Amino acid sequence: MGSPKRRLAVVVVGVVIGLFVLLLPHWQTPTSHPAAPAPGAGPAPSTGVTARPPSAVPSPAASPVRAPDEVDAFEGIEKLNAPGYTVKDDLILLGDLLLSWQTLFPRQGNPWGENRDITTSLTGSNGRSIALLPRRHPAINAAGELIDRWGTPFFFHQLSGTRMEIRSAGPDRVLYTDDDAVATP
């Protein structure tokens, strides 16, 4: 059947092709923009956030270092804590934001640390000065933490280099009670 080296090469090529086939649709997914509601129609009902990473991710070699105030805002970030959406939508959006971070910083995994450290990284204090989150976003409190729609800081629990649990304390503003909302993107 061939030498062990040849069999190993065939397996490696098969795995690479399989990964390419699995990941290809994600790279080619077009970004869609919802239609604007008619004047006076009120907010659209929440059907879930469909935020996607930025369509053009700069390569590390082609990306000049910029001032953190130059925002490459994550598409849809204005929906975070916005009326007409839910805390579930917020958690999905934050999960998508972390996936975008991993695309831009593939060797680093998620930003790490406490809420303030993660928020600081997402607002442009990182090796490439890329700000996926505007520094003056309404969901950032005076202490520099990302907060949920009730004003309580989100709790980020690093599960691995690429998986993070995101927790909102919910309306009672107390972590680890029955009304908490949790996502593990």
Protein backbone atom coordinates (compact mmCIF):
# COMPACT_ATOMS: atom_id res chain seq x y z
CA MET A 1 0.00 0.00 0.00
CA GLY A 2 3.00 2.28 0.10
CA SER A 3 5.49 3.54 2.59
CA PRO A 4 4.44 4.95 5.96
CA LYS A 5 5.66 8.40 4.86
CA ARG A 6 3.43 8.29 1.80
CA ARG A 7 0.38 7.24 3.86
CA LEU A 8 1.08 10.04 6.34
CA ALA A 9 1.34 12.56 3.50
CA VAL A 10 -1.99 11.38 2.07
CA VAL A 11 -3.67 11.73 5.49
CA VAL A 12 -2.21 15.22 6.04
CA VAL A 13 -3.34 16.38 2.59
CA GLY A 14 -6.82 14.94 3.28
CA VAL A 15 -7.07 16.78 6.60
CA VAL A 16 -5.96 20.08 5.04
CA ILE A 17 -8.48 19.73 2.21
CA GLY A 18 -11.21 18.82 4.70
CA LEU A 19 -10.48 21.90 6.84
CA PHE A 20 -10.45 24.09 3.75
CA VAL A 21 -13.84 22.75 2.64
CA LEU A 22 -15.29 23.30 6.13
CA LEU A 23 -13.94 26.85 6.50
CA LEU A 24 -14.49 28.10 2.95
CA PRO A 25 -18.18 29.03 3.43
CA HIS A 26 -17.27 31.18 6.44
CA TRP A 27 -14.75 33.19 4.46
CA GLN A 28 -17.18 33.81 1.63
CA THR A 29 -20.32 34.61 3.64
CA PRO A 30 -21.60 37.97 2.41
CA THR A 31 -22.52 40.61 4.93
CA SER A 32 -26.19 41.51 4.76
CA HIS A 33 -27.73 44.68 6.05
CA PRO A 34 -31.31 44.65 7.33
CA ALA A 35 -33.79 46.90 5.61
CA ALA A 36 -34.51 50.14 7.44
CA PRO A 37 -37.91 50.19 9.15
CA ALA A 38 -40.59 52.45 7.75
CA PRO A 39 -40.80 55.85 9.45
CA GLY A 40 -42.92 55.63 12.60
CA ALA A 41 -42.92 51.82 12.54
CA GLY A 42 -41.01 51.51 15.82
CA PRO A 43 -38.19 49.10 16.51
CA ALA A 44 -38.07 45.84 14.64
CA PRO A 45 -38.79 42.74 16.71
CA SER A 46 -35.69 40.91 17.90
CA THR A 47 -34.93 37.90 15.74
CA GLY A 48 -31.37 37.45 16.89
CA VAL A 49 -28.18 39.26 16.08
CA THR A 50 -26.54 38.33 12.81
CA ALA A 51 -23.36 40.30 13.34
CA ARG A 52 -20.40 39.14 11.35
CA PRO A 53 -16.69 39.88 11.60
CA PRO A 54 -15.41 42.73 9.44
CA SER A 55 -15.56 41.71 5.79
CA ALA A 56 -12.01 42.77 5.03
CA VAL A 57 -9.61 41.59 7.69
CA PRO A 58 -6.24 43.24 7.18
CA SER A 59 -3.27 40.91 7.07
CA PRO A 60 -0.65 41.45 9.79
CA ALA A 61 2.03 42.34 7.24
CA ALA A 62 -0.15 44.86 5.39
CA SER A 63 -1.59 46.54 8.48
CA PRO A 64 0.28 49.63 9.61
CA VAL A 65 0.28 50.48 13.31
CA ARG A 66 -2.37 53.13 13.91
CA ALA A 67 -3.53 55.27 16.76
CA PRO A 68 -6.13 53.47 18.94
CA ASP A 69 -8.64 56.23 18.14
CA GLU A 70 -8.82 54.98 14.54
CA VAL A 71 -11.73 52.61 15.01
CA ASP A 72 -12.25 49.49 12.91
CA ALA A 73 -15.55 49.05 14.70
CA PHE A 74 -17.01 45.59 14.63
CA GLU A 75 -20.07 45.52 12.39
CA GLY A 76 -23.23 45.64 14.49
CA ILE A 77 -21.56 46.72 17.74
CA GLU A 78 -24.00 49.62 17.97
CA LYS A 79 -26.69 47.02 18.75
CA LEU A 80 -25.04 46.08 22.06
CA ASN A 81 -27.55 46.94 24.84
CA ALA A 82 -29.73 48.77 22.30
CA PRO A 83 -33.52 48.92 22.70
CA GLY A 84 -35.35 46.37 20.57
CA TYR A 85 -32.77 43.67 21.28
CA THR A 86 -32.36 41.21 24.15
CA VAL A 87 -29.56 40.17 26.45
CA LYS A 88 -29.35 36.97 24.37
CA ASP A 89 -28.69 39.14 21.32
CA ASP A 90 -26.00 40.99 23.30
CA LEU A 91 -24.26 37.73 24.24
CA ILE A 92 -24.34 36.50 20.64
CA LEU A 93 -22.89 39.83 19.51
CA LEU A 94 -20.09 39.64 22.10
CA GLY A 95 -19.35 36.06 21.02
CA ASP A 96 -19.10 37.19 17.41
CA LEU A 97 -16.85 40.06 18.53
CA LEU A 98 -14.49 37.55 20.17
CA LEU A 99 -14.48 35.43 17.01
CA SER A 100 -13.51 38.51 15.03
CA TRP A 101 -10.70 39.15 17.53
CA GLN A 102 -9.45 35.59 16.97
CA THR A 103 -9.48 36.20 13.21
CA LEU A 104 -7.37 39.33 13.62
CA PHE A 105 -5.05 37.79 16.23
CA PRO A 106 -5.00 34.08 15.31
CA ARG A 107 -1.97 33.21 17.42
CA GLN A 108 -3.25 34.91 20.57
CA GLY A 109 -6.68 33.32 21.03
CA ASN A 110 -9.11 35.47 23.02
CA PRO A 111 -8.10 38.64 24.79
CA TRP A 112 -7.44 37.69 28.42
CA GLY A 113 -7.74 39.09 31.90
CA GLU A 114 -10.57 40.72 33.81
CA ASN A 115 -13.41 42.59 32.08
CA ARG A 116 -11.44 45.86 32.03
CA ASP A 117 -8.37 44.17 30.48
CA ILE A 118 -10.50 42.55 27.77
CA THR A 119 -12.33 45.81 27.07
CA THR A 120 -9.02 47.68 26.85
CA SER A 121 -7.74 45.19 24.25
CA LEU A 122 -10.96 45.40 22.23
CA THR A 123 -10.83 49.22 22.21
CA GLY A 124 -7.41 49.32 20.56
CA SER A 125 -4.76 48.77 23.23
CA ASN A 126 -3.30 45.76 21.46
CA GLY A 127 -0.27 44.99 19.31
CA ARG A 128 -1.90 46.27 16.12
CA SER A 129 -3.92 49.17 17.60
CA ILE A 130 -7.11 47.73 16.14
CA ALA A 131 -10.24 48.94 17.92
CA LEU A 132 -13.18 46.62 17.32
CA LEU A 133 -15.09 48.47 20.01
CA PRO A 134 -15.23 52.29 20.16
CA ARG A 135 -13.72 53.62 23.41
CA ARG A 136 -16.81 55.74 23.99
CA HIS A 137 -19.36 52.99 23.38
CA PRO A 138 -22.37 53.39 25.73
CA ALA A 139 -21.83 49.79 26.98
CA ILE A 140 -18.48 50.79 28.56
CA ASN A 141 -18.78 52.19 32.08
CA ALA A 142 -16.56 54.79 33.78
CA ALA A 143 -14.30 52.01 35.10
CA GLY A 144 -13.62 50.86 31.51
CA GLU A 145 -15.70 47.67 31.77
CA LEU A 146 -18.23 46.27 29.30
CA ILE A 147 -21.62 46.31 31.00
CA ASP A 148 -24.89 44.54 30.32
CA ARG A 149 -28.20 46.29 29.70
CA TRP A 150 -28.78 46.61 33.47
CA GLY A 151 -25.46 48.37 34.08
CA THR A 152 -23.64 45.38 35.59
CA PRO A 153 -20.21 44.42 34.22
CA PHE A 154 -20.21 41.26 32.09
CA PHE A 155 -18.25 38.38 33.63
CA PHE A 156 -15.76 36.78 31.25
CA HIS A 157 -14.51 33.30 32.18
CA GLN A 158 -11.71 31.95 30.00
CA LEU A 159 -12.39 28.25 29.30
CA SER A 160 -9.51 27.77 26.87
CA GLY A 161 -7.42 29.89 24.54
CA THR A 162 -10.33 30.22 22.12
CA ARG A 163 -13.44 29.61 24.28
CA MET A 164 -14.84 32.06 26.75
CA GLU A 165 -17.99 32.00 28.85
CA ILE A 166 -19.74 35.38 28.86
CA ARG A 167 -22.21 35.99 31.69
CA SER A 168 -24.72 38.78 32.32
CA ALA A 169 -26.00 39.03 35.90
CA GLY A 170 -29.48 39.73 34.52
CA PRO A 171 -32.13 42.07 35.89
CA ASP A 172 -31.35 41.29 39.55
CA ARG A 173 -27.73 42.42 38.95
CA VAL A 174 -26.36 39.52 41.01
CA LEU A 175 -24.09 36.94 39.37
CA TYR A 176 -24.88 33.23 39.55
CA THR A 177 -28.62 33.51 40.18
CA ASP A 178 -31.50 32.08 38.15
CA ASP A 179 -31.93 35.14 35.91
CA ASP A 180 -28.32 35.16 34.63
CA ALA A 181 -27.81 34.94 30.87
CA VAL A 182 -24.80 32.90 29.75
CA ALA A 183 -23.20 32.17 26.41
CA THR A 184 -20.19 30.08 25.55
CA PRO A 185 -19.34 30.87 21.94
